[in-house]
């Protein structure tokens, strides 16, 4: 069976490959149909579901997985958030969320000016393509958790729900 991931981001594709090693996994750039920088759990989840649905409908018999990173506000602080969605060939939707950590005030201020987190992080860490590598989670956890690992956890939650559904549904 084929799984199409709604992104060409290496961290996201590798997170799916490591959890679905018996499947053919490929990335495909699709629109999230939400802001380029989602600013709530709801918007981040919506983006993940939109990506997964687009991928699942792009090729008969395939499953789609959407992984979306965003930020959400809690008690006047901005937190990283991430959501995933798996849409199977019967159009069932499974969703899961993962790690959350607060962002430094200077990063939150740049986000409130309309900048994307990936661009901010490149400037902040003075590196390039952080979104393809360790991600903000990697920078702010001293690389104890990187973006791929963060999304691997979400994908495991999706896979577990999918397997449970088909075993017990």
N, C-alpha and C. Protein backbone atom coordinates (compact mmCIF):
# COMPACT_ATOMS: atom_id res chain seq x y z
N UNK A 1 0.85 -1.18 0.00
CA UNK A 1 0.00 0.00 0.00
C UNK A 1 0.89 1.24 0.00
N UNK A 2 0.36 2.29 -0.57
CA UNK A 2 1.10 3.55 -0.66
C UNK A 2 0.56 4.56 0.33
N UNK A 3 1.49 5.27 0.98
CA UNK A 3 1.14 6.39 1.84
C UNK A 3 1.73 7.64 1.21
N UNK A 4 0.89 8.63 1.03
CA UNK A 4 1.35 9.90 0.48
C UNK A 4 1.32 10.93 1.61
N UNK A 5 2.46 11.53 1.85
CA UNK A 5 2.62 12.54 2.89
C UNK A 5 2.43 13.91 2.25
N UNK A 6 1.65 14.76 2.86
CA UNK A 6 1.32 16.06 2.29
C UNK A 6 2.40 17.10 2.46
N UNK A 7 3.61 16.76 2.07
CA UNK A 7 4.74 17.68 2.18
C UNK A 7 5.95 17.06 1.50
N UNK A 8 6.89 17.90 1.11
CA UNK A 8 8.19 17.42 0.65
C UNK A 8 9.26 17.67 1.72
N UNK A 9 8.84 18.00 2.93
CA UNK A 9 9.75 18.24 4.04
C UNK A 9 10.35 16.91 4.51
N UNK A 10 11.68 16.83 4.52
CA UNK A 10 12.37 15.58 4.85
C UNK A 10 12.00 15.06 6.24
N UNK A 11 11.92 15.93 7.22
CA UNK A 11 11.61 15.50 8.58
C UNK A 11 10.24 14.82 8.63
N UNK A 12 9.28 15.34 7.91
CA UNK A 12 7.93 14.77 7.91
C UNK A 12 7.90 13.43 7.17
N UNK A 13 8.50 13.37 6.00
CA UNK A 13 8.51 12.13 5.22
C UNK A 13 9.26 11.04 5.97
N UNK A 14 10.41 11.36 6.54
CA UNK A 14 11.18 10.37 7.29
C UNK A 14 10.44 9.89 8.53
N UNK A 15 9.67 10.77 9.16
CA UNK A 15 8.87 10.37 10.32
C UNK A 15 7.84 9.31 9.93
N UNK A 16 7.25 9.46 8.75
CA UNK A 16 6.27 8.47 8.27
C UNK A 16 7.00 7.19 7.86
N UNK A 17 8.09 7.31 7.14
CA UNK A 17 8.83 6.11 6.70
C UNK A 17 9.28 5.26 7.88
N UNK A 18 9.72 5.89 8.95
CA UNK A 18 10.22 5.12 10.09
C UNK A 18 9.10 4.37 10.81
N UNK A 19 7.86 4.81 10.66
CA UNK A 19 6.73 4.14 11.29
C UNK A 19 5.98 3.19 10.36
N UNK A 20 6.15 3.36 9.07
CA UNK A 20 5.45 2.53 8.09
C UNK A 20 6.48 1.93 7.13
N UNK A 21 7.41 1.16 7.66
CA UNK A 21 8.52 0.65 6.85
C UNK A 21 8.07 -0.37 5.80
N UNK A 22 6.90 -0.98 5.97
CA UNK A 22 6.41 -1.96 5.00
C UNK A 22 5.57 -1.32 3.89
N UNK A 23 5.46 0.00 3.92
CA UNK A 23 4.64 0.70 2.94
C UNK A 23 5.54 1.52 2.01
N UNK A 24 5.04 1.80 0.84
CA UNK A 24 5.70 2.75 -0.05
C UNK A 24 5.29 4.15 0.44
N UNK A 25 6.26 4.97 0.78
CA UNK A 25 5.98 6.31 1.31
C UNK A 25 6.58 7.33 0.36
N UNK A 26 5.77 8.31 -0.01
CA UNK A 26 6.26 9.39 -0.87
C UNK A 26 5.68 10.71 -0.40
N UNK A 27 6.40 11.77 -0.65
CA UNK A 27 5.92 13.10 -0.33
C UNK A 27 5.30 13.77 -1.54
N UNK A 28 4.37 14.66 -1.26
CA UNK A 28 3.73 15.41 -2.34
C UNK A 28 3.35 16.77 -1.76
N UNK A 29 3.75 17.81 -2.43
CA UNK A 29 3.42 19.16 -1.96
C UNK A 29 1.94 19.43 -2.22
N UNK A 30 1.21 19.68 -1.15
CA UNK A 30 -0.21 20.03 -1.25
C UNK A 30 -0.47 21.24 -0.36
N UNK A 31 -1.54 21.93 -0.65
CA UNK A 31 -1.89 23.11 0.14
C UNK A 31 -2.57 22.69 1.43
N UNK A 32 -2.21 23.37 2.51
CA UNK A 32 -2.86 23.12 3.79
C UNK A 32 -4.21 23.81 3.87
N UNK A 33 -4.40 24.83 3.05
CA UNK A 33 -5.62 25.65 3.01
C UNK A 33 -5.85 26.40 4.32
N UNK A 34 -4.76 26.61 5.07
CA UNK A 34 -4.79 27.46 6.26
C UNK A 34 -3.63 28.45 6.12
N UNK A 35 -3.44 29.31 7.09
CA UNK A 35 -2.34 30.28 7.06
C UNK A 35 -1.00 29.56 6.94
N UNK A 36 -0.04 30.22 6.33
CA UNK A 36 1.29 29.62 6.24
C UNK A 36 1.90 29.43 7.62
N UNK A 37 1.44 30.22 8.59
CA UNK A 37 1.83 30.04 9.98
C UNK A 37 0.56 29.88 10.81
N UNK A 38 0.09 28.64 11.01
CA UNK A 38 -1.12 28.44 11.80
C UNK A 38 -0.94 28.97 13.24
N UNK A 39 -2.00 29.60 13.77
CA UNK A 39 -1.91 30.27 15.06
C UNK A 39 -2.90 29.73 16.09
N UNK A 40 -3.27 28.47 15.98
CA UNK A 40 -4.13 27.84 16.99
C UNK A 40 -4.09 26.34 16.77
N UNK A 41 -4.51 25.60 17.79
CA UNK A 41 -4.65 24.16 17.62
C UNK A 41 -5.64 23.86 16.50
N UNK A 42 -6.76 24.59 16.48
CA UNK A 42 -7.80 24.33 15.50
C UNK A 42 -7.29 24.52 14.07
N UNK A 43 -6.56 25.62 13.85
CA UNK A 43 -6.06 25.89 12.50
C UNK A 43 -4.97 24.89 12.11
N UNK A 44 -4.12 24.53 13.06
CA UNK A 44 -3.05 23.57 12.78
C UNK A 44 -3.65 22.20 12.45
N UNK A 45 -4.64 21.78 13.23
CA UNK A 45 -5.33 20.51 12.96
C UNK A 45 -6.02 20.54 11.61
N UNK A 46 -6.70 21.63 11.31
CA UNK A 46 -7.38 21.76 10.01
C UNK A 46 -6.38 21.61 8.86
N UNK A 47 -5.21 22.22 8.99
CA UNK A 47 -4.19 22.10 7.96
C UNK A 47 -3.73 20.66 7.77
N UNK A 48 -3.54 19.94 8.88
CA UNK A 48 -3.12 18.53 8.80
C UNK A 48 -4.19 17.69 8.11
N UNK A 49 -5.45 17.89 8.48
CA UNK A 49 -6.54 17.13 7.87
C UNK A 49 -6.66 17.46 6.38
N UNK A 50 -6.57 18.73 6.02
CA UNK A 50 -6.65 19.12 4.60
C UNK A 50 -5.54 18.45 3.79
N UNK A 51 -4.33 18.45 4.32
CA UNK A 51 -3.22 17.81 3.62
C UNK A 51 -3.47 16.31 3.44
N UNK A 52 -3.90 15.66 4.52
CA UNK A 52 -4.13 14.21 4.47
C UNK A 52 -5.23 13.86 3.47
N UNK A 53 -6.31 14.62 3.49
CA UNK A 53 -7.43 14.34 2.56
C UNK A 53 -6.99 14.52 1.11
N UNK A 54 -6.26 15.60 0.86
CA UNK A 54 -5.77 15.87 -0.51
C UNK A 54 -4.90 14.71 -1.00
N UNK A 55 -4.02 14.23 -0.14
CA UNK A 55 -3.13 13.13 -0.52
C UNK A 55 -3.90 11.84 -0.75
N UNK A 56 -4.82 11.51 0.16
CA UNK A 56 -5.58 10.27 0.03
C UNK A 56 -6.43 10.26 -1.24
N UNK A 57 -6.93 11.42 -1.63
CA UNK A 57 -7.78 11.47 -2.83
C UNK A 57 -6.97 11.58 -4.12
N UNK A 58 -5.66 11.78 -3.99
CA UNK A 58 -4.84 11.98 -5.19
C UNK A 58 -4.55 10.68 -5.93
N UNK A 59 -4.65 9.55 -5.24
CA UNK A 59 -4.34 8.27 -5.88
C UNK A 59 -5.22 7.19 -5.26
N UNK A 60 -6.00 6.54 -6.08
CA UNK A 60 -6.94 5.52 -5.61
C UNK A 60 -6.20 4.44 -4.81
N UNK A 61 -6.78 4.08 -3.65
CA UNK A 61 -6.21 3.01 -2.83
C UNK A 61 -5.08 3.43 -1.93
N UNK A 62 -4.74 4.70 -1.92
CA UNK A 62 -3.64 5.15 -1.07
C UNK A 62 -4.18 5.79 0.20
N UNK A 63 -3.28 5.90 1.19
CA UNK A 63 -3.60 6.63 2.41
C UNK A 63 -2.86 7.96 2.36
N UNK A 64 -3.42 8.95 3.02
CA UNK A 64 -2.78 10.25 3.10
C UNK A 64 -2.45 10.60 4.54
N UNK A 65 -1.30 11.20 4.72
CA UNK A 65 -0.92 11.69 6.05
C UNK A 65 -0.54 13.16 5.92
N UNK A 66 -1.15 13.97 6.77
CA UNK A 66 -0.81 15.39 6.85
C UNK A 66 -0.20 15.67 8.20
N UNK A 67 0.92 16.35 8.21
CA UNK A 67 1.60 16.75 9.44
C UNK A 67 1.78 18.26 9.40
N UNK A 68 1.29 18.93 10.41
CA UNK A 68 1.29 20.39 10.40
C UNK A 68 1.86 20.92 11.71
N UNK A 69 2.79 21.84 11.60
CA UNK A 69 3.32 22.53 12.77
C UNK A 69 2.70 23.91 12.88
N UNK A 70 2.48 24.35 14.09
CA UNK A 70 1.91 25.67 14.31
C UNK A 70 2.27 26.17 15.70
N UNK A 71 1.56 27.20 16.10
CA UNK A 71 1.70 27.73 17.45
C UNK A 71 0.31 27.95 18.02
N UNK A 72 0.23 27.92 19.34
CA UNK A 72 -1.04 28.16 20.01
C UNK A 72 -0.77 28.95 21.27
N UNK A 73 -1.76 29.75 21.66
CA UNK A 73 -1.60 30.61 22.82
C UNK A 73 -2.24 29.95 24.04
N UNK A 74 -1.53 30.04 25.16
CA UNK A 74 -2.03 29.54 26.43
C UNK A 74 -1.50 30.45 27.53
N UNK A 75 -2.42 31.08 28.25
CA UNK A 75 -2.06 31.98 29.36
C UNK A 75 -1.00 33.01 28.96
N UNK A 76 -1.25 33.67 27.83
CA UNK A 76 -0.39 34.75 27.32
C UNK A 76 0.99 34.31 26.84
N UNK A 77 1.20 33.01 26.69
CA UNK A 77 2.45 32.51 26.10
C UNK A 77 2.12 31.79 24.81
N UNK A 78 3.06 31.82 23.86
CA UNK A 78 2.91 31.05 22.63
C UNK A 78 3.68 29.74 22.78
N UNK A 79 3.03 28.66 22.40
CA UNK A 79 3.62 27.33 22.44
C UNK A 79 3.70 26.75 21.04
N UNK A 80 4.75 25.98 20.80
CA UNK A 80 4.79 25.16 19.60
C UNK A 80 3.66 24.16 19.70
N UNK A 81 3.01 23.86 18.62
CA UNK A 81 2.07 22.75 18.58
C UNK A 81 2.23 22.03 17.26
N UNK A 82 1.81 20.81 17.22
CA UNK A 82 1.89 20.03 15.99
C UNK A 82 0.76 19.04 15.98
N UNK A 83 0.21 18.84 14.81
CA UNK A 83 -0.92 17.94 14.62
C UNK A 83 -0.67 17.05 13.42
N UNK A 84 -1.26 15.89 13.46
CA UNK A 84 -1.20 14.98 12.33
C UNK A 84 -2.57 14.41 12.03
N UNK A 85 -2.77 14.02 10.79
CA UNK A 85 -4.01 13.37 10.37
C UNK A 85 -3.66 12.26 9.39
N UNK A 86 -4.36 11.15 9.52
CA UNK A 86 -4.25 10.04 8.59
C UNK A 86 -5.64 9.81 8.01
N UNK A 87 -5.73 9.80 6.69
CA UNK A 87 -6.97 9.50 6.00
C UNK A 87 -6.74 8.21 5.22
N UNK A 88 -7.55 7.19 5.54
CA UNK A 88 -7.38 5.90 4.87
C UNK A 88 -8.18 5.84 3.58
N UNK A 89 -8.09 4.70 2.91
CA UNK A 89 -8.75 4.59 1.60
C UNK A 89 -10.27 4.57 1.69
N UNK A 90 -10.82 4.37 2.91
CA UNK A 90 -12.27 4.47 3.12
C UNK A 90 -12.68 5.87 3.59
N UNK A 91 -11.73 6.79 3.59
CA UNK A 91 -11.91 8.19 3.99
C UNK A 91 -12.14 8.39 5.48
N UNK A 92 -11.80 7.38 6.30
CA UNK A 92 -11.80 7.56 7.75
C UNK A 92 -10.67 8.51 8.11
N UNK A 93 -10.90 9.37 9.09
CA UNK A 93 -9.90 10.36 9.51
C UNK A 93 -9.47 10.06 10.94
N UNK A 94 -8.16 9.93 11.14
CA UNK A 94 -7.58 9.74 12.47
C UNK A 94 -6.69 10.95 12.74
N UNK A 95 -6.76 11.49 13.95
CA UNK A 95 -5.97 12.68 14.27
C UNK A 95 -5.20 12.48 15.57
N UNK A 96 -4.10 13.22 15.71
CA UNK A 96 -3.29 13.17 16.93
C UNK A 96 -2.45 14.44 17.02
N UNK A 97 -2.09 14.78 18.24
CA UNK A 97 -1.22 15.92 18.49
C UNK A 97 -0.01 15.46 19.30
N UNK A 98 1.00 16.31 19.35
CA UNK A 98 2.22 15.91 20.04
C UNK A 98 2.76 16.96 20.98
N UNK A 99 4.05 17.03 21.05
CA UNK A 99 4.78 17.85 22.03
C UNK A 99 4.42 19.33 21.94
N UNK A 100 4.51 19.98 23.07
CA UNK A 100 4.30 21.42 23.17
C UNK A 100 5.35 22.00 24.10
N UNK A 101 5.97 23.06 23.67
CA UNK A 101 6.88 23.79 24.54
C UNK A 101 6.67 25.29 24.30
N UNK A 102 6.89 26.11 25.33
CA UNK A 102 6.74 27.55 25.14
C UNK A 102 7.87 28.11 24.29
N UNK A 103 7.54 29.15 23.55
CA UNK A 103 8.53 29.83 22.71
C UNK A 103 9.03 31.07 23.45
N UNK A 104 10.31 31.41 23.26
CA UNK A 104 10.84 32.63 23.87
C UNK A 104 10.07 33.86 23.38
N UNK A 105 9.99 34.88 24.23
CA UNK A 105 9.24 36.10 23.91
C UNK A 105 9.69 36.73 22.59
N UNK A 106 10.99 36.75 22.33
CA UNK A 106 11.45 37.40 21.09
C UNK A 106 10.97 36.66 19.84
N UNK A 107 10.84 35.34 19.92
CA UNK A 107 10.30 34.56 18.80
C UNK A 107 8.80 34.83 18.68
N UNK A 108 8.10 34.85 19.81
CA UNK A 108 6.66 35.13 19.80
C UNK A 108 6.37 36.51 19.21
N UNK A 109 7.21 37.50 19.51
CA UNK A 109 7.01 38.85 18.97
C UNK A 109 7.14 38.85 17.45
N UNK A 110 8.13 38.13 16.93
CA UNK A 110 8.29 38.06 15.47
C UNK A 110 7.12 37.32 14.82
N UNK A 111 6.61 36.30 15.48
CA UNK A 111 5.44 35.59 14.96
C UNK A 111 4.23 36.52 14.89
N UNK A 112 4.08 37.35 15.91
CA UNK A 112 2.93 38.27 15.93
C UNK A 112 3.03 39.34 14.84
N UNK A 113 4.21 39.51 14.27
CA UNK A 113 4.40 40.46 13.15
C UNK A 113 4.11 39.80 11.81
N UNK A 114 3.72 38.51 11.83
CA UNK A 114 3.36 37.83 10.59
C UNK A 114 4.45 36.99 9.97
N UNK A 115 5.58 36.86 10.63
CA UNK A 115 6.66 36.02 10.09
C UNK A 115 6.36 34.55 10.37
N UNK A 116 6.91 33.67 9.52
CA UNK A 116 6.79 32.23 9.72
C UNK A 116 7.86 31.75 10.68
N UNK A 117 7.51 30.76 11.49
CA UNK A 117 8.44 30.25 12.49
C UNK A 117 9.74 29.74 11.87
N UNK A 118 9.65 29.05 10.74
CA UNK A 118 10.86 28.53 10.10
C UNK A 118 11.84 29.63 9.74
N UNK A 119 11.33 30.74 9.22
CA UNK A 119 12.18 31.87 8.87
C UNK A 119 12.78 32.52 10.11
N UNK A 120 11.95 32.65 11.13
CA UNK A 120 12.43 33.23 12.40
C UNK A 120 13.54 32.37 12.98
N UNK A 121 13.34 31.07 12.94
CA UNK A 121 14.32 30.16 13.55
C UNK A 121 15.66 30.20 12.83
N UNK A 122 15.64 30.33 11.50
CA UNK A 122 16.90 30.45 10.76
C UNK A 122 17.69 31.67 11.24
N UNK A 123 16.97 32.79 11.41
CA UNK A 123 17.63 34.00 11.92
C UNK A 123 18.08 33.83 13.36
N UNK A 124 17.19 33.32 14.19
CA UNK A 124 17.44 33.18 15.62
C UNK A 124 18.67 32.30 15.90
N UNK A 125 18.75 31.16 15.22
CA UNK A 125 19.84 30.21 15.45
C UNK A 125 21.03 30.43 14.53
N UNK A 126 20.89 31.36 13.59
CA UNK A 126 21.93 31.64 12.60
C UNK A 126 22.35 30.37 11.86
N UNK A 127 21.32 29.65 11.41
CA UNK A 127 21.50 28.44 10.61
C UNK A 127 20.51 28.52 9.45
N UNK A 128 20.58 27.56 8.54
CA UNK A 128 19.63 27.57 7.44
C UNK A 128 18.83 26.26 7.40
N UNK A 129 17.60 26.39 6.90
CA UNK A 129 16.70 25.25 6.71
C UNK A 129 16.44 24.45 7.99
N UNK A 130 16.27 25.15 9.09
CA UNK A 130 15.98 24.48 10.36
C UNK A 130 14.69 23.67 10.24
N UNK A 131 13.71 24.15 9.48
CA UNK A 131 12.44 23.42 9.33
C UNK A 131 12.63 22.06 8.67
N UNK A 132 13.69 21.88 7.89
CA UNK A 132 13.99 20.60 7.25
C UNK A 132 14.82 19.69 8.15
N UNK A 133 15.37 20.26 9.21
CA UNK A 133 16.31 19.52 10.07
C UNK A 133 15.75 19.40 11.47
N UNK A 134 16.39 20.04 12.44
CA UNK A 134 16.02 19.87 13.84
C UNK A 134 14.74 20.58 14.24
N UNK A 135 14.35 21.60 13.50
CA UNK A 135 13.15 22.35 13.82
C UNK A 135 13.32 23.20 15.07
N UNK A 136 12.31 24.01 15.34
CA UNK A 136 12.34 24.84 16.55
C UNK A 136 12.43 23.97 17.79
N UNK A 137 11.75 22.83 17.76
CA UNK A 137 11.78 21.92 18.91
C UNK A 137 13.21 21.48 19.21
N UNK A 138 14.00 21.26 18.17
CA UNK A 138 15.40 20.86 18.36
C UNK A 138 16.23 21.97 18.97
N UNK A 139 16.01 23.19 18.49
CA UNK A 139 16.76 24.33 19.03
C UNK A 139 16.42 24.53 20.50
N UNK A 140 15.13 24.52 20.83
CA UNK A 140 14.70 24.87 22.18
C UNK A 140 14.72 23.70 23.16
N UNK A 141 15.10 22.50 22.70
CA UNK A 141 15.32 21.38 23.63
C UNK A 141 16.79 20.96 23.62
N UNK A 142 17.66 21.86 23.15
CA UNK A 142 19.09 21.55 23.08
C UNK A 142 19.34 20.27 22.27
N UNK A 143 18.49 20.07 21.24
CA UNK A 143 18.54 18.95 20.31
C UNK A 143 18.33 17.58 20.97
N UNK A 144 17.70 17.56 22.14
CA UNK A 144 17.31 16.29 22.75
C UNK A 144 16.10 15.70 22.03
N UNK A 145 15.29 16.56 21.43
CA UNK A 145 14.17 16.14 20.59
C UNK A 145 14.25 16.97 19.32
N UNK A 146 14.23 16.30 18.16
CA UNK A 146 14.25 17.07 16.90
C UNK A 146 12.89 16.97 16.21
N UNK A 147 12.76 17.66 15.11
CA UNK A 147 11.48 17.75 14.41
C UNK A 147 11.00 16.38 13.91
N UNK A 148 11.92 15.59 13.39
CA UNK A 148 11.55 14.26 12.92
C UNK A 148 11.01 13.42 14.08
N UNK A 149 11.70 13.45 15.21
CA UNK A 149 11.25 12.67 16.37
C UNK A 149 9.88 13.15 16.87
N UNK A 150 9.70 14.46 16.88
CA UNK A 150 8.42 15.02 17.30
C UNK A 150 7.29 14.49 16.41
N UNK A 151 7.52 14.52 15.09
CA UNK A 151 6.50 14.03 14.17
C UNK A 151 6.40 12.50 14.19
N UNK A 152 7.50 11.79 14.49
CA UNK A 152 7.43 10.33 14.61
C UNK A 152 6.44 9.93 15.70
N UNK A 153 6.45 10.67 16.80
CA UNK A 153 5.52 10.38 17.89
C UNK A 153 4.08 10.56 17.42
N UNK A 154 3.80 11.64 16.72
CA UNK A 154 2.46 11.89 16.21
C UNK A 154 2.05 10.79 15.23
N UNK A 155 2.96 10.39 14.35
CA UNK A 155 2.66 9.34 13.38
C UNK A 155 2.41 8.01 14.09
N UNK A 156 3.14 7.71 15.15
CA UNK A 156 2.88 6.47 15.92
C UNK A 156 1.47 6.51 16.51
N UNK A 157 1.05 7.68 17.01
CA UNK A 157 -0.31 7.81 17.53
C UNK A 157 -1.35 7.58 16.44
N UNK A 158 -1.09 8.10 15.25
CA UNK A 158 -2.00 7.89 14.12
C UNK A 158 -2.05 6.42 13.72
N UNK A 159 -0.88 5.82 13.60
CA UNK A 159 -0.80 4.41 13.20
C UNK A 159 -1.50 3.52 14.22
N UNK A 160 -1.28 3.79 15.49
CA UNK A 160 -1.92 2.99 16.53
C UNK A 160 -3.43 3.07 16.49
N UNK A 161 -3.96 4.25 16.27
CA UNK A 161 -5.42 4.41 16.15
C UNK A 161 -5.95 3.66 14.92
N UNK A 162 -5.24 3.80 13.81
CA UNK A 162 -5.62 3.14 12.56
C UNK A 162 -5.64 1.62 12.77
N UNK A 163 -4.59 1.07 13.37
CA UNK A 163 -4.52 -0.38 13.61
C UNK A 163 -5.61 -0.83 14.56
N UNK A 164 -5.85 -0.07 15.63
CA UNK A 164 -6.88 -0.41 16.59
C UNK A 164 -8.26 -0.44 15.91
N UNK A 165 -8.52 0.55 15.09
CA UNK A 165 -9.81 0.66 14.40
C UNK A 165 -10.04 -0.59 13.53
N UNK A 166 -9.03 -1.00 12.77
CA UNK A 166 -9.23 -2.11 11.86
C UNK A 166 -9.16 -3.46 12.58
N UNK A 167 -8.58 -3.50 13.74
CA UNK A 167 -8.56 -4.73 14.53
C UNK A 167 -9.87 -4.89 15.30
N UNK A 168 -10.43 -3.78 15.78
CA UNK A 168 -11.60 -3.84 16.65
C UNK A 168 -12.86 -3.22 16.06
N UNK A 169 -12.71 -2.55 14.91
CA UNK A 169 -13.84 -1.81 14.35
C UNK A 169 -14.72 -2.69 13.57
